[in-house]
Protein backbone atom coordinates (compact mmCIF):
# COMPACT_ATOMS: atom_id res chain seq x y z
CA MET A 1 9.23 -43.74 5.32
CA SER A 2 8.23 -41.59 2.35
CA THR A 3 6.80 -42.86 -0.92
CA GLN A 4 6.60 -41.60 -4.49
CA ALA A 5 3.12 -40.33 -3.67
CA ASP A 6 4.56 -38.38 -0.72
CA GLU A 7 7.06 -36.69 -3.02
CA ARG A 8 4.40 -35.90 -5.60
CA PHE A 9 2.09 -34.23 -3.11
CA MET A 10 5.00 -32.44 -1.42
CA ARG A 11 6.04 -30.96 -4.78
CA LEU A 12 2.55 -29.51 -5.06
CA ALA A 13 2.82 -28.11 -1.52
CA LEU A 14 6.18 -26.53 -2.39
CA ALA A 15 4.70 -24.92 -5.49
CA LEU A 16 1.90 -23.47 -3.37
CA GLY A 17 4.38 -22.16 -0.81
CA ARG A 18 6.40 -20.32 -3.46
CA ARG A 19 3.36 -18.20 -4.24
CA GLY A 20 3.89 -16.44 -0.94
CA LEU A 21 7.54 -15.47 -1.46
CA GLY A 22 7.90 -11.74 -1.00
CA ARG A 23 4.37 -11.31 0.38
CA VAL A 24 4.20 -13.02 3.77
CA TRP A 25 7.12 -11.72 5.87
CA PRO A 26 7.86 -11.91 8.77
CA ASN A 27 6.39 -15.41 8.45
CA PRO A 28 7.81 -18.10 6.18
CA ALA A 29 6.05 -18.88 2.88
CA VAL A 30 4.51 -22.30 3.52
CA GLY A 31 2.37 -24.57 1.37
CA CYS A 32 -0.01 -27.29 2.58
CA VAL A 33 -1.94 -30.02 0.74
CA ILE A 34 -4.46 -32.33 2.41
CA VAL A 35 -5.08 -35.69 0.75
CA ALA A 36 -7.94 -38.03 1.64
CA GLY A 37 -7.61 -41.76 1.18
CA GLY A 38 -3.85 -41.81 1.69
CA GLY A 39 -1.27 -43.24 -0.66
CA ASP A 40 -1.52 -43.13 -4.43
CA PRO A 41 -3.64 -41.86 -6.08
CA GLY A 42 -5.35 -40.17 -3.13
CA ARG A 43 -7.77 -37.28 -3.46
CA ILE A 44 -6.80 -33.68 -2.74
CA VAL A 45 -9.46 -32.16 -0.48
CA GLY A 46 -7.65 -29.05 0.71
CA ARG A 47 -4.77 -26.80 -0.23
CA GLY A 48 -3.43 -23.59 1.19
CA THR A 49 -0.56 -21.13 1.23
CA THR A 50 0.46 -18.59 3.82
CA ALA A 51 -1.71 -15.53 3.29
CA PRO A 52 -0.24 -12.07 2.58
CA GLY A 53 1.13 -10.57 5.75
CA GLY A 54 1.70 -14.03 7.22
CA ARG A 55 -1.82 -14.92 8.38
CA PRO A 56 -3.73 -17.19 8.11
CA HIS A 57 -1.13 -19.93 7.92
CA ALA A 58 -1.14 -22.47 5.10
CA GLU A 59 -2.41 -25.31 7.28
CA THR A 60 -5.39 -23.24 8.45
CA GLU A 61 -6.32 -22.39 4.86
CA ALA A 62 -6.04 -26.02 3.71
CA LEU A 63 -8.08 -27.31 6.66
CA ARG A 64 -10.78 -24.73 6.02
CA MET A 65 -11.08 -25.94 2.42
CA ALA A 66 -11.05 -29.61 3.41
CA GLY A 67 -13.66 -29.32 6.15
CA ALA A 68 -14.85 -32.70 7.45
CA ALA A 69 -12.84 -34.48 4.72
CA ALA A 70 -9.66 -33.74 6.69
CA ARG A 71 -10.54 -36.47 9.21
CA GLY A 72 -8.33 -39.48 8.53
CA ALA A 73 -6.45 -37.63 5.76
CA THR A 74 -2.76 -36.92 5.22
CA ALA A 75 -1.46 -33.35 5.44
CA TYR A 76 1.63 -32.40 3.44
CA VAL A 77 3.34 -29.29 4.84
CA THR A 78 6.56 -27.72 3.58
CA LEU A 79 7.65 -26.59 7.07
CA GLU A 80 7.02 -28.10 10.49
CA PRO A 81 3.64 -26.88 11.81
CA CYS A 82 4.01 -24.20 14.46
CA ALA A 83 3.55 -25.19 18.09
CA HIS A 84 3.31 -21.80 19.82
CA HIS A 85 0.56 -19.30 20.41
CA GLY A 86 1.23 -16.07 18.52
CA ARG A 87 -1.34 -14.00 16.68
CA THR A 88 -2.89 -17.31 15.63
CA PRO A 89 -3.28 -20.63 17.52
CA PRO A 90 -0.70 -23.36 16.83
CA CYS A 91 -1.15 -25.13 13.49
CA ALA A 92 -0.19 -28.42 15.16
CA GLU A 93 -3.26 -28.09 17.39
CA ALA A 94 -5.45 -27.30 14.37
CA LEU A 95 -4.27 -30.46 12.58
CA ILE A 96 -4.95 -32.52 15.70
CA ALA A 97 -8.43 -31.05 16.14
CA ALA A 98 -9.24 -31.74 12.48
CA GLY A 99 -8.49 -35.42 12.99
CA VAL A 100 -5.81 -35.91 10.35
CA ALA A 101 -4.20 -39.34 10.53
CA ARG A 102 -0.77 -38.47 9.13
CA VAL A 103 1.41 -35.40 8.63
CA VAL A 104 4.29 -35.29 6.15
CA THR A 105 6.75 -32.39 6.39
CA ALA A 106 9.80 -31.29 4.44
CA ILE A 107 11.97 -29.59 7.08
CA GLU A 108 11.94 -28.78 10.77
CA ASP A 109 11.28 -25.19 11.82
CA PRO A 110 14.45 -23.83 13.52
CA ASP A 111 12.49 -21.10 15.33
CA PRO A 112 13.19 -21.76 19.06
CA ARG A 113 9.44 -21.54 19.72
CA VAL A 114 8.92 -24.57 17.45
CA SER A 115 12.13 -26.54 16.72
CA GLY A 116 10.65 -30.04 16.88
CA ARG A 117 7.79 -29.21 19.24
CA GLY A 118 5.23 -29.22 16.44
CA HIS A 119 6.23 -32.73 15.39
CA ALA A 120 6.24 -33.84 19.04
CA MET A 121 2.71 -32.50 19.61
CA LEU A 122 1.42 -34.40 16.59
CA ARG A 123 3.06 -37.67 17.63
CA ALA A 124 1.78 -37.28 21.18
CA ALA A 125 -1.73 -37.04 19.74
CA GLY A 126 -1.27 -40.36 17.93
CA ILE A 127 -0.69 -38.86 14.48
CA GLU A 128 1.88 -40.54 12.24
CA VAL A 129 4.62 -38.08 11.28
CA THR A 130 7.03 -38.42 8.36
CA THR A 131 9.76 -35.79 7.99
CA GLY A 132 12.46 -34.87 5.50
CA VAL A 133 10.47 -35.31 2.28
CA LEU A 134 12.10 -33.11 -0.41
CA SER A 135 14.05 -31.36 2.33
CA ALA A 136 16.68 -29.89 -0.02
CA GLU A 137 14.05 -28.23 -2.21
CA ALA A 138 12.22 -26.89 0.83
CA ALA A 139 15.42 -25.53 2.40
CA ALA A 140 16.19 -23.67 -0.84
CA ASP A 141 12.72 -22.11 -0.84
CA GLN A 142 12.99 -21.22 2.86
CA ARG A 143 16.56 -19.91 2.75
CA GLY A 144 15.51 -16.39 3.62
CA PHE A 145 13.54 -17.49 6.67
CA LEU A 146 16.24 -19.97 7.74
CA THR A 147 19.01 -17.37 7.42
CA ARG A 148 17.04 -14.86 9.47
CA VAL A 149 16.32 -17.33 12.26
CA ARG A 150 19.79 -18.90 12.37
CA GLN A 151 22.01 -15.89 11.61
CA GLY A 152 19.84 -12.96 12.62
CA ARG A 153 19.94 -11.37 9.18
CA PRO A 154 18.08 -11.78 5.87
CA MET A 155 19.35 -13.76 2.90
CA LEU A 156 20.85 -11.27 0.48
CA THR A 157 20.90 -11.58 -3.29
CA LEU A 158 23.19 -9.11 -5.04
CA LYS A 159 22.10 -8.22 -8.56
CA LEU A 160 24.61 -6.56 -10.86
CA ALA A 161 24.38 -5.62 -14.53
CA THR A 162 27.57 -5.15 -16.51
CA THR A 163 28.44 -4.51 -20.12
CA LEU A 164 30.81 -6.69 -22.13
CA ASP A 165 33.68 -4.42 -21.11
CA GLY A 166 32.85 -4.74 -17.40
CA ARG A 167 31.13 -1.39 -16.84
CA ILE A 168 28.22 -0.97 -14.44
CA ALA A 169 27.27 2.60 -15.37
CA THR A 170 28.06 5.45 -17.71
CA ALA A 171 30.54 8.14 -16.74
CA SER A 172 27.65 10.20 -15.33
CA GLY A 173 26.55 7.31 -13.13
CA GLU A 174 23.52 6.32 -15.22
CA SER A 175 22.93 2.55 -14.95
CA ARG A 176 19.21 2.11 -15.44
CA TRP A 177 19.14 0.81 -19.00
CA ILE A 178 22.31 -1.25 -19.38
CA THR A 179 20.45 -4.49 -20.12
CA SER A 180 17.54 -5.46 -22.35
CA GLU A 181 13.80 -5.50 -21.75
CA ALA A 182 13.85 -9.28 -21.23
CA ALA A 183 16.51 -8.92 -18.53
CA ARG A 184 14.53 -6.16 -16.84
CA LEU A 185 11.47 -8.43 -16.78
CA ARG A 186 13.55 -11.08 -15.03
CA VAL A 187 14.57 -8.51 -12.43
CA GLN A 188 10.93 -7.61 -11.86
CA LEU A 189 10.20 -11.28 -11.10
CA MET A 190 13.12 -11.32 -8.66
CA ARG A 191 11.73 -8.22 -6.99
CA ALA A 192 8.30 -9.80 -6.65
CA ALA A 193 9.81 -12.75 -4.74
CA SER A 194 11.75 -10.49 -2.33
CA ASP A 195 10.71 -8.95 0.96
CA ALA A 196 12.78 -5.85 0.30
CA ILE A 197 14.75 -4.06 -2.43
CA LEU A 198 18.00 -2.41 -1.31
CA VAL A 199 20.11 0.24 -3.03
CA GLY A 200 22.84 2.59 -1.92
CA GLY A 201 22.57 6.35 -1.70
CA GLY A 202 24.66 6.81 -4.84
CA THR A 203 22.21 4.78 -6.91
CA ALA A 204 19.27 6.68 -5.41
CA ARG A 205 20.89 10.00 -6.31
CA ALA A 206 21.87 8.96 -9.84
CA ASP A 207 18.72 7.08 -10.90
CA ASP A 208 15.94 8.22 -8.52
CA PRO A 209 14.48 4.70 -8.83
CA ALA A 210 10.92 3.74 -7.89
CA LEU A 211 12.06 0.33 -6.55
CA THR A 212 8.60 -1.13 -7.08
CA VAL A 213 7.40 -4.20 -8.98
CA ARG A 214 6.18 -3.30 -12.43
CA LEU A 215 4.22 -6.44 -13.23
CA PRO A 216 0.48 -6.77 -13.98
CA GLY A 217 -1.65 -7.70 -11.00
CA VAL A 218 0.91 -6.85 -8.32
CA ALA A 219 -0.89 -5.02 -5.52
CA ALA A 220 1.69 -5.18 -2.72
CA HIS A 221 5.30 -4.14 -3.23
CA PRO A 222 8.47 -5.09 -1.35
CA VAL A 223 9.87 -2.69 1.20
CA ARG A 224 12.11 -0.13 -0.50
CA ILE A 225 15.36 0.36 1.41
CA VAL A 226 18.03 2.98 0.75
CA ALA A 227 21.34 2.89 2.61
CA SER A 228 22.56 6.48 2.98
CA ARG A 229 24.90 7.41 5.82
CA ALA A 230 24.05 11.12 5.76
CA LEU A 231 20.55 10.93 4.24
CA ASP A 232 21.75 13.21 1.44
CA LEU A 233 19.07 11.99 -0.94
CA PRO A 234 17.20 14.02 -3.57
CA ARG A 235 13.88 15.43 -2.48
CA GLY A 236 10.97 15.92 -4.82
CA GLY A 237 11.75 12.85 -6.94
CA VAL A 238 10.13 9.44 -7.22
CA LEU A 239 11.31 8.15 -3.84
CA TRP A 240 10.18 11.38 -2.18
CA ARG A 241 6.70 11.31 -3.74
CA ALA A 242 5.86 7.60 -3.96
CA GLN A 243 3.50 6.46 -1.22
CA GLY A 244 2.47 3.06 -2.60
CA ALA A 245 5.23 1.02 -0.97
CA PRO A 246 7.02 1.22 2.40
CA LEU A 247 10.27 3.21 2.37
CA TRP A 248 13.00 2.50 4.93
CA LEU A 249 16.11 4.68 5.08
CA VAL A 250 19.16 3.20 6.79
CA HIS A 251 21.52 5.94 7.97
CA GLY A 252 24.31 6.70 10.41
CA ALA A 253 24.40 8.78 13.57
CA SER A 254 25.85 11.65 11.55
CA ALA A 255 22.66 12.13 9.49
CA PRO A 256 21.42 15.71 10.07
CA ALA A 257 18.30 16.15 12.17
CA GLU A 258 16.74 18.27 9.43
CA ALA A 259 17.08 15.45 6.88
CA ARG A 260 15.66 12.94 9.31
CA ALA A 261 12.64 15.11 10.02
CA ALA A 262 12.03 15.78 6.33
CA TRP A 263 12.02 12.14 5.30
CA ALA A 264 10.03 11.05 8.35
CA GLY A 265 7.47 13.64 7.32
CA GLN A 266 7.14 11.83 3.98
CA GLY A 267 6.32 8.58 5.78
CA ALA A 268 9.76 6.96 5.60
CA GLU A 269 10.90 4.73 8.45
CA LEU A 270 14.36 5.76 9.64
CA ILE A 271 16.79 3.10 10.86
CA GLU A 272 20.00 4.31 12.48
CA VAL A 273 22.95 1.87 12.48
CA ALA A 274 26.63 2.08 13.31
CA GLU A 275 29.01 3.79 10.90
CA VAL A 276 32.30 2.48 9.56
CA ALA A 277 34.92 4.14 7.40
CA GLY A 278 33.25 5.22 4.18
CA GLY A 279 29.65 4.50 5.15
CA ILE A 280 27.35 2.50 7.37
CA ASP A 281 28.18 -0.90 8.84
CA PRO A 282 26.69 -3.48 6.40
CA GLY A 283 26.45 -6.16 9.07
CA ALA A 284 24.59 -3.84 11.44
CA MET A 285 22.26 -2.85 8.60
CA LEU A 286 21.29 -6.44 7.78
CA ALA A 287 20.90 -7.29 11.47
CA ALA A 288 18.47 -4.38 11.81
CA LEU A 289 16.48 -5.60 8.81
CA GLY A 290 16.38 -9.15 10.18
CA ALA A 291 15.15 -7.87 13.53
CA ARG A 292 12.24 -6.26 11.68
CA GLY A 293 11.26 -9.57 10.07
CA ILE A 294 12.84 -9.16 6.63
CA GLY A 295 14.05 -12.50 5.27
CA ARG A 296 14.79 -11.95 1.56
CA VAL A 297 16.64 -8.86 0.30
CA LEU A 298 17.47 -8.09 -3.32
CA CYS A 299 20.30 -5.57 -3.51
CA GLU A 300 20.49 -3.70 -6.81
CA GLY A 301 23.70 -1.76 -6.16
CA GLY A 302 25.57 0.39 -6.61
CA GLY A 303 29.21 -0.52 -6.70
CA GLN A 304 30.24 0.87 -3.30
CA LEU A 305 27.43 -0.90 -1.47
CA ALA A 306 28.03 -4.13 -3.41
CA ALA A 307 31.73 -4.09 -2.53
CA ALA A 308 30.96 -3.46 1.15
CA LEU A 309 28.52 -6.37 1.30
CA LEU A 310 30.90 -8.71 -0.51
CA GLY A 311 33.81 -7.65 1.67
CA ALA A 312 31.80 -8.42 4.79
CA GLY A 313 30.82 -11.87 3.47
CA LEU A 314 27.12 -11.01 3.49
CA VAL A 315 26.18 -11.92 -0.09
CA ASP A 316 24.38 -15.26 -0.30
CA ARG A 317 23.54 -15.21 -4.00
CA LEU A 318 24.95 -13.22 -6.90
CA ALA A 319 22.87 -12.59 -10.02
CA LEU A 320 25.05 -11.12 -12.76
CA PHE A 321 23.37 -9.86 -15.92
CA THR A 322 25.75 -9.32 -18.83
CA ALA A 323 24.62 -7.04 -21.62
CA GLY A 324 25.76 -7.47 -25.21
CA ALA A 325 27.10 -3.92 -25.41
CA ALA A 326 30.10 -1.83 -24.41
CA ILE A 327 30.15 1.61 -22.79
CA GLY A 328 33.84 2.34 -23.15
CA ALA A 329 36.69 3.54 -20.99
CA ASP A 330 34.69 6.50 -19.64
CA GLY A 331 32.15 4.18 -18.03
CA ARG A 332 32.27 3.16 -14.37
CA ALA A 333 33.98 -0.20 -13.93
CA ALA A 334 32.77 -2.98 -11.68
CA ARG A 335 34.95 -3.12 -8.60
CA ARG A 336 37.62 -5.81 -8.74
CA ARG A 337 36.18 -7.66 -5.75
CA VAL A 338 32.76 -7.78 -7.37
CA ALA A 339 34.21 -9.07 -10.63
CA MET A 340 36.23 -11.80 -8.90
CA ARG A 341 33.18 -13.03 -7.00
CA ALA A 342 31.07 -12.94 -10.16
CA ARG A 343 33.37 -15.30 -12.01
CA ASN A 344 32.60 -17.99 -9.42
CA SER A 345 28.87 -17.40 -9.30
CA ARG A 346 25.85 -18.27 -11.37
CA ARG A 347 25.25 -15.80 -14.20
CA HIS A 348 22.00 -14.54 -15.70
CA ARG A 349 22.96 -13.49 -19.22
CA ALA A 350 20.80 -10.72 -20.56
CA PRO A 351 19.24 -11.52 -23.96
């Protein structure tokens, strides 16, 4: 049975775990707090979050900080400790070896290699286990990981920016500066918490975007992904030259060999998926990304890709930024399906 103290320490563990969002794939972003003395007030002797790239795990980091003080302590972990040998030993074994007396977790890990086995290992070692503390909050934080494990694809957030008259770009296709500086800062924060940034070939051709995080102190960037059936993307621009972030190009079987060789020569990873009428299969694309460990994707358009994802039922979250301006009848309108979905979704109104 959980207590107010359990919830308080779990909130701290959740806050620690969120620091890893966008930086630890293919592993989940986990937080861990170790408290000596038990109960309230208790004394925090160790804390950890999953390290960039997914290793070390949060429990390992917290135990390292706690040292001998972990013996007899309570460990608060936002996700069930792993029970399998991968690139690191099981965290459940590390908690047992450290001599913790109690482990409190938020949610069970649905990974078939874990799925209750971590909790079972702890109980078999005589450790008291309490589960389900702040489970709703933890599930929201872990939605990308949970979607990838359960559905075989990443969680997808679709970001759209429209003017007051429902336009997503000028007549020439320019869409980069529809919203304000404050809105663009919000998008940068969303990028930083994502494993990958996705755009369609039309957006890449019109805007030649960098698709990186432009925030102070950011050293690692999300994977940049462009969906282009024929790989007919501009060469010599920002995407062609930028080497500071991974670039994945999702294309169809019809992409010319010359284009494939050219982009591969620039260091891009090429991912071939099935084609459907008008482009690539959006479901096959997301399945391929999930198979590569991507759990959180932020799609920034354009309209054709957004409509395809919505039509396939693959959009988990919609972030709609509305600018206080109008482009006029010559501008490109948001597709009807996108607009209908937006009316029933949470809006981010651009200042």
